[in-house]
Protein backbone atom coordinates (compact mmCIF):
# COMPACT_ATOMS: atom_id res chain seq x y z
CA MET A 1 82.46 96.55 106.99
CA LYS A 2 82.39 94.47 103.83
CA ALA A 3 79.60 96.68 102.46
CA CYS A 4 81.97 99.63 102.99
CA HIS A 5 84.77 97.93 101.05
CA ILE A 6 86.95 97.01 104.02
CA ARG A 7 88.80 93.68 103.86
CA ASN A 8 91.47 91.90 105.86
CA TYR A 9 90.65 93.77 109.09
CA SER A 10 92.55 93.01 112.30
CA ILE A 11 92.99 94.66 115.69
CA PHE A 12 96.11 94.02 117.76
CA LEU A 13 96.73 94.74 121.46
CA LYS A 14 100.15 95.78 122.77
CA GLU A 15 101.17 96.61 126.34
CA ILE A 16 103.87 99.27 126.67
CA ASP A 17 105.02 100.45 130.10
CA GLY A 18 101.83 99.17 131.72
CA LYS A 19 99.56 100.90 129.21
CA PHE A 20 97.58 99.06 126.56
CA PHE A 21 97.50 100.23 122.94
CA LEU A 22 95.31 99.04 120.09
CA PHE A 23 96.58 98.90 116.54
CA SER A 24 94.22 98.14 113.70
CA TYR A 25 94.91 97.18 110.13
CA PHE A 26 92.56 96.92 107.18
CA GLU A 27 92.66 97.02 103.43
CA TYR A 28 90.31 99.41 101.68
CA VAL A 29 89.26 98.26 98.21
CA GLY A 30 86.62 100.87 97.35
CA GLN A 31 86.70 104.05 95.30
CA ASN A 32 85.46 106.68 97.79
CA PHE A 33 86.82 106.19 101.32
CA LYS A 34 85.08 109.24 102.80
CA LEU A 35 81.68 108.18 101.46
CA ASP A 36 82.13 104.59 102.62
CA MET A 37 83.12 105.74 106.13
CA GLN A 38 80.00 107.95 106.24
CA LYS A 39 77.94 104.92 105.22
CA MET A 40 79.49 102.85 108.01
CA ALA A 41 78.93 105.62 110.57
CA SER A 42 75.24 105.85 109.66
CA ASP A 43 74.65 102.11 110.21
CA PRO A 44 72.57 101.55 113.41
CA GLU A 45 74.49 98.41 114.41
CA THR A 46 77.81 100.19 113.97
CA GLN A 47 76.52 103.10 116.05
CA ARG A 48 75.48 100.67 118.80
CA TRP A 49 78.91 99.01 118.74
CA TRP A 50 80.76 102.33 118.84
CA LYS A 51 78.60 103.47 121.76
CA GLU A 52 79.76 100.39 123.67
CA THR A 53 83.44 100.49 122.70
CA ASP A 54 84.34 104.18 122.33
CA PRO A 55 84.44 104.85 126.11
CA CYS A 56 87.06 102.10 126.41
CA GLN A 57 89.43 103.88 124.04
CA GLN A 58 91.73 106.75 124.85
CA PRO A 59 93.01 108.42 121.68
CA LEU A 60 96.60 109.48 121.25
CA SER A 61 97.11 113.25 121.22
CA ASP A 62 97.27 113.60 117.42
CA ALA A 63 93.87 111.94 117.00
CA GLN A 64 92.39 113.71 120.01
CA GLU A 65 93.31 117.10 118.52
CA LYS A 66 91.17 116.18 115.48
CA GLY A 67 88.28 114.83 117.57
CA GLU A 68 89.05 111.28 116.43
CA ILE A 69 89.79 108.04 118.25
CA TRP A 70 92.28 106.38 115.91
CA SER A 71 95.61 107.81 114.75
CA GLY A 72 96.55 107.38 111.14
CA MET A 73 99.91 105.87 110.21
CA ALA A 74 101.99 105.76 107.06
CA GLU A 75 103.08 102.41 105.69
CA VAL A 76 106.88 102.38 105.51
CA PHE A 77 107.48 98.83 104.29
CA HIS A 78 105.44 96.15 102.52
CA THR A 79 106.16 92.80 100.91
CA ASP A 80 103.94 90.06 99.49
């Protein structure tokens, strides 16, 4: 992930009404997000990891409609 300019990466788990949801956060410090994500997706170790973990994830409907696993979110507040 560092080679793809991702820093400060965390995944959180939250149970809501008996269902578990994952929320991830990372900071992207590169110049070309699309290219860096393609680079990450082509990495054999990343592919192996995704093969193991993707079946454990059930995307929300907005991501599923796009053939993705994770839903994007807009930051609405930030302070340092």
